[in-house]
Amino acid sequence: MTAAGNRVNIVAFSGSKLADQDISELKTIIRSGLDADEDLTGFYQLAQGDPILSITVKDLYGMRVGLLDDVFGRVILAILLQMVPQ
């Protein structure tokens, strides 16, 4: 995973070629884990009028809570499993 501006790029590896349905399911899981479909418009409108939140939003614009265990936990596990001696 890499981030560029407000976009996240993800490269996934598989032991075999994935069917279109599997790719679609993988994309759905990643979007859900990153909470990419959450509408933050109301929060940003509220934050503009708050002295503390307005600074926070400026520094962390676009940040979402997401389901860290779903995506990042699996990424960390995948990396660590590559280091396990066989």
N, C-alpha and C. Protein backbone atom coordinates (compact mmCIF):
# COMPACT_ATOMS: atom_id res chain seq x y z
N MET A 1 0.83 -1.17 0.00
CA MET A 1 0.00 0.00 0.00
C MET A 1 0.88 1.24 0.00
N THR A 2 0.47 2.20 -0.82
CA THR A 2 1.10 3.51 -0.82
C THR A 2 0.01 4.56 -0.96
N ALA A 3 0.27 5.73 -0.45
CA ALA A 3 -0.69 6.82 -0.55
C ALA A 3 -0.08 7.95 -1.34
N ALA A 4 -0.87 8.52 -2.23
CA ALA A 4 -0.44 9.69 -3.01
C ALA A 4 -1.61 10.67 -3.01
N GLY A 5 -1.45 11.73 -2.24
CA GLY A 5 -2.56 12.68 -2.13
C GLY A 5 -3.75 12.04 -1.44
N ASN A 6 -4.88 12.04 -2.11
CA ASN A 6 -6.08 11.44 -1.52
C ASN A 6 -6.37 10.07 -2.11
N ARG A 7 -5.39 9.43 -2.70
CA ARG A 7 -5.57 8.10 -3.29
C ARG A 7 -4.64 7.09 -2.60
N VAL A 8 -5.13 5.88 -2.48
CA VAL A 8 -4.35 4.78 -1.93
C VAL A 8 -4.16 3.76 -3.04
N ASN A 9 -2.92 3.39 -3.29
CA ASN A 9 -2.61 2.38 -4.30
C ASN A 9 -2.25 1.09 -3.58
N ILE A 10 -2.83 0.00 -4.04
CA ILE A 10 -2.62 -1.30 -3.40
C ILE A 10 -2.21 -2.31 -4.46
N VAL A 11 -1.18 -3.07 -4.16
CA VAL A 11 -0.76 -4.16 -5.02
C VAL A 11 -1.00 -5.45 -4.23
N ALA A 12 -1.74 -6.36 -4.83
CA ALA A 12 -2.04 -7.64 -4.17
C ALA A 12 -1.36 -8.77 -4.94
N PHE A 13 -0.85 -9.73 -4.22
CA PHE A 13 -0.18 -10.87 -4.82
C PHE A 13 -0.97 -12.13 -4.51
N SER A 14 -0.97 -13.05 -5.45
CA SER A 14 -1.72 -14.30 -5.27
C SER A 14 -0.89 -15.45 -5.84
N GLY A 15 -1.06 -16.61 -5.25
CA GLY A 15 -0.35 -17.79 -5.72
C GLY A 15 -0.86 -18.28 -7.06
N SER A 16 -2.06 -17.87 -7.44
CA SER A 16 -2.64 -18.26 -8.72
C SER A 16 -3.48 -17.10 -9.25
N LYS A 17 -3.81 -17.17 -10.53
CA LYS A 17 -4.60 -16.11 -11.15
C LYS A 17 -5.98 -16.07 -10.51
N LEU A 18 -6.43 -14.85 -10.16
CA LEU A 18 -7.74 -14.69 -9.54
C LEU A 18 -8.82 -14.52 -10.59
N ALA A 19 -9.96 -15.13 -10.34
CA ALA A 19 -11.12 -14.96 -11.22
C ALA A 19 -11.68 -13.55 -11.01
N ASP A 20 -12.43 -13.05 -11.97
CA ASP A 20 -13.02 -11.71 -11.87
C ASP A 20 -13.82 -11.54 -10.58
N GLN A 21 -14.56 -12.56 -10.20
CA GLN A 21 -15.36 -12.49 -8.97
C GLN A 21 -14.47 -12.36 -7.73
N ASP A 22 -13.34 -13.06 -7.73
CA ASP A 22 -12.40 -12.96 -6.61
C ASP A 22 -11.77 -11.58 -6.54
N ILE A 23 -11.44 -11.00 -7.68
CA ILE A 23 -10.88 -9.65 -7.72
C ILE A 23 -11.90 -8.66 -7.20
N SER A 24 -13.14 -8.80 -7.62
CA SER A 24 -14.21 -7.91 -7.16
C SER A 24 -14.40 -8.02 -5.65
N GLU A 25 -14.36 -9.24 -5.13
CA GLU A 25 -14.51 -9.44 -3.68
C GLU A 25 -13.33 -8.84 -2.92
N LEU A 26 -12.13 -8.99 -3.46
CA LEU A 26 -10.94 -8.42 -2.83
C LEU A 26 -11.04 -6.89 -2.77
N LYS A 27 -11.48 -6.27 -3.86
CA LYS A 27 -11.65 -4.82 -3.89
C LYS A 27 -12.69 -4.37 -2.86
N THR A 28 -13.77 -5.13 -2.74
CA THR A 28 -14.82 -4.80 -1.76
C THR A 28 -14.27 -4.88 -0.34
N ILE A 29 -13.51 -5.90 -0.04
CA ILE A 29 -12.92 -6.08 1.29
C ILE A 29 -11.96 -4.93 1.61
N ILE A 30 -11.15 -4.56 0.64
CA ILE A 30 -10.17 -3.48 0.86
C ILE A 30 -10.89 -2.15 1.07
N ARG A 31 -11.89 -1.84 0.23
CA ARG A 31 -12.65 -0.59 0.38
C ARG A 31 -13.32 -0.54 1.75
N SER A 32 -13.86 -1.66 2.18
CA SER A 32 -14.52 -1.72 3.48
C SER A 32 -13.51 -1.53 4.61
N GLY A 33 -12.38 -2.20 4.49
CA GLY A 33 -11.35 -2.10 5.52
C GLY A 33 -10.77 -0.70 5.64
N LEU A 34 -10.68 0.01 4.53
CA LEU A 34 -10.17 1.37 4.54
C LEU A 34 -11.27 2.39 4.82
N ASP A 35 -12.50 1.92 4.91
CA ASP A 35 -13.66 2.79 5.15
C ASP A 35 -13.77 3.85 4.06
N ALA A 36 -13.47 3.45 2.82
CA ALA A 36 -13.39 4.39 1.70
C ALA A 36 -14.74 4.97 1.30
N ASP A 37 -15.83 4.31 1.63
CA ASP A 37 -17.15 4.78 1.20
C ASP A 37 -17.84 5.67 2.23
N GLU A 38 -17.18 5.95 3.35
CA GLU A 38 -17.78 6.80 4.37
C GLU A 38 -17.82 8.25 3.89
N ASP A 39 -18.97 8.90 4.04
CA ASP A 39 -19.13 10.30 3.64
C ASP A 39 -18.76 11.19 4.82
N LEU A 40 -17.68 11.94 4.69
CA LEU A 40 -17.18 12.79 5.76
C LEU A 40 -17.56 14.26 5.59
N THR A 41 -18.43 14.56 4.64
CA THR A 41 -18.81 15.94 4.35
C THR A 41 -19.33 16.67 5.58
N GLY A 42 -20.24 16.04 6.31
CA GLY A 42 -20.80 16.66 7.51
C GLY A 42 -19.76 16.94 8.57
N PHE A 43 -18.83 16.02 8.73
CA PHE A 43 -17.77 16.21 9.71
C PHE A 43 -16.90 17.41 9.34
N TYR A 44 -16.53 17.52 8.06
CA TYR A 44 -15.69 18.64 7.63
C TYR A 44 -16.42 19.97 7.79
N GLN A 45 -17.71 19.99 7.54
CA GLN A 45 -18.48 21.22 7.74
C GLN A 45 -18.48 21.62 9.21
N LEU A 46 -18.66 20.65 10.09
CA LEU A 46 -18.63 20.91 11.53
C LEU A 46 -17.24 21.39 11.96
N ALA A 47 -16.22 20.75 11.45
CA ALA A 47 -14.84 21.05 11.86
C ALA A 47 -14.40 22.45 11.46
N GLN A 48 -14.94 22.99 10.38
CA GLN A 48 -14.53 24.33 9.94
C GLN A 48 -14.78 25.39 11.00
N GLY A 49 -15.83 25.21 11.81
CA GLY A 49 -16.16 26.20 12.81
C GLY A 49 -15.53 25.97 14.17
N ASP A 50 -14.77 24.90 14.32
CA ASP A 50 -14.16 24.57 15.60
C ASP A 50 -12.66 24.89 15.54
N PRO A 51 -12.14 25.63 16.52
CA PRO A 51 -10.72 26.04 16.45
C PRO A 51 -9.74 24.86 16.49
N ILE A 52 -10.06 23.83 17.23
CA ILE A 52 -9.15 22.69 17.33
C ILE A 52 -9.34 21.73 16.16
N LEU A 53 -10.59 21.39 15.86
CA LEU A 53 -10.84 20.46 14.76
C LEU A 53 -10.39 21.02 13.41
N SER A 54 -10.50 22.32 13.22
CA SER A 54 -10.10 22.90 11.94
C SER A 54 -8.60 22.68 11.68
N ILE A 55 -7.80 22.75 12.73
CA ILE A 55 -6.35 22.50 12.59
C ILE A 55 -6.11 21.00 12.34
N THR A 56 -6.82 20.17 13.07
CA THR A 56 -6.67 18.72 12.92
C THR A 56 -7.05 18.29 11.51
N VAL A 57 -8.16 18.80 11.01
CA VAL A 57 -8.61 18.45 9.67
C VAL A 57 -7.58 18.88 8.63
N LYS A 58 -6.98 20.05 8.83
CA LYS A 58 -5.96 20.52 7.89
C LYS A 58 -4.77 19.55 7.86
N ASP A 59 -4.35 19.07 9.02
CA ASP A 59 -3.20 18.16 9.10
C ASP A 59 -3.52 16.73 8.65
N LEU A 60 -4.74 16.28 8.90
CA LEU A 60 -5.09 14.88 8.66
C LEU A 60 -6.24 14.73 7.67
N TYR A 61 -6.33 15.64 6.71
CA TYR A 61 -7.45 15.62 5.77
C TYR A 61 -7.57 14.25 5.09
N GLY A 62 -8.78 13.73 5.05
CA GLY A 62 -9.05 12.46 4.38
C GLY A 62 -8.83 11.23 5.24
N MET A 63 -8.26 11.38 6.42
CA MET A 63 -8.01 10.23 7.29
C MET A 63 -9.33 9.62 7.74
N ARG A 64 -9.36 8.32 7.78
CA ARG A 64 -10.55 7.59 8.21
C ARG A 64 -10.15 6.59 9.28
N VAL A 65 -11.15 6.20 10.07
CA VAL A 65 -10.89 5.20 11.10
C VAL A 65 -10.65 3.85 10.45
N GLY A 66 -11.53 3.44 9.56
CA GLY A 66 -11.38 2.17 8.87
C GLY A 66 -11.45 0.99 9.83
N LEU A 67 -11.30 -0.17 9.29
CA LEU A 67 -11.27 -1.39 10.08
C LEU A 67 -9.84 -1.91 10.04
N LEU A 68 -9.01 -1.32 10.88
CA LEU A 68 -7.58 -1.58 10.81
C LEU A 68 -7.24 -3.06 10.89
N ASP A 69 -7.96 -3.78 11.70
CA ASP A 69 -7.66 -5.20 11.84
C ASP A 69 -7.89 -5.93 10.52
N ASP A 70 -8.89 -5.51 9.76
CA ASP A 70 -9.19 -6.19 8.50
C ASP A 70 -8.08 -6.04 7.48
N VAL A 71 -7.65 -4.80 7.23
CA VAL A 71 -6.67 -4.57 6.17
C VAL A 71 -5.25 -4.59 6.71
N PHE A 72 -4.94 -3.69 7.64
CA PHE A 72 -3.57 -3.55 8.08
C PHE A 72 -3.09 -4.77 8.86
N GLY A 73 -3.98 -5.36 9.64
CA GLY A 73 -3.60 -6.57 10.36
C GLY A 73 -3.20 -7.69 9.41
N ARG A 74 -3.94 -7.82 8.32
CA ARG A 74 -3.62 -8.86 7.34
C ARG A 74 -2.34 -8.54 6.57
N VAL A 75 -2.13 -7.25 6.29
CA VAL A 75 -0.88 -6.86 5.61
C VAL A 75 0.31 -7.19 6.49
N ILE A 76 0.22 -6.83 7.76
CA ILE A 76 1.31 -7.11 8.70
C ILE A 76 1.54 -8.61 8.82
N LEU A 77 0.45 -9.37 8.93
CA LEU A 77 0.57 -10.83 9.02
C LEU A 77 1.24 -11.40 7.77
N ALA A 78 0.85 -10.91 6.60
CA ALA A 78 1.45 -11.41 5.35
C ALA A 78 2.94 -11.13 5.30
N ILE A 79 3.33 -9.94 5.73
CA ILE A 79 4.75 -9.60 5.74
C ILE A 79 5.52 -10.47 6.73
N LEU A 80 4.97 -10.64 7.91
CA LEU A 80 5.65 -11.44 8.93
C LEU A 80 5.74 -12.90 8.53
N LEU A 81 4.72 -13.43 7.88
CA LEU A 81 4.75 -14.82 7.46
C LEU A 81 5.82 -15.07 6.39
N GLN A 82 6.16 -14.04 5.63
CA GLN A 82 7.21 -14.18 4.63
C GLN A 82 8.58 -14.34 5.29
N MET A 83 8.68 -13.88 6.55
CA MET A 83 9.96 -13.93 7.26
C MET A 83 10.13 -15.22 8.07
N VAL A 84 9.09 -16.02 8.16
CA VAL A 84 9.16 -17.25 8.96
C VAL A 84 10.06 -18.27 8.26
N PRO A 85 11.04 -18.83 8.97
CA PRO A 85 11.88 -19.85 8.35
C PRO A 85 11.06 -21.09 8.00
N GLN A 86 11.38 -21.66 6.86
CA GLN A 86 10.62 -22.84 6.43
C GLN A 86 11.38 -24.11 6.65
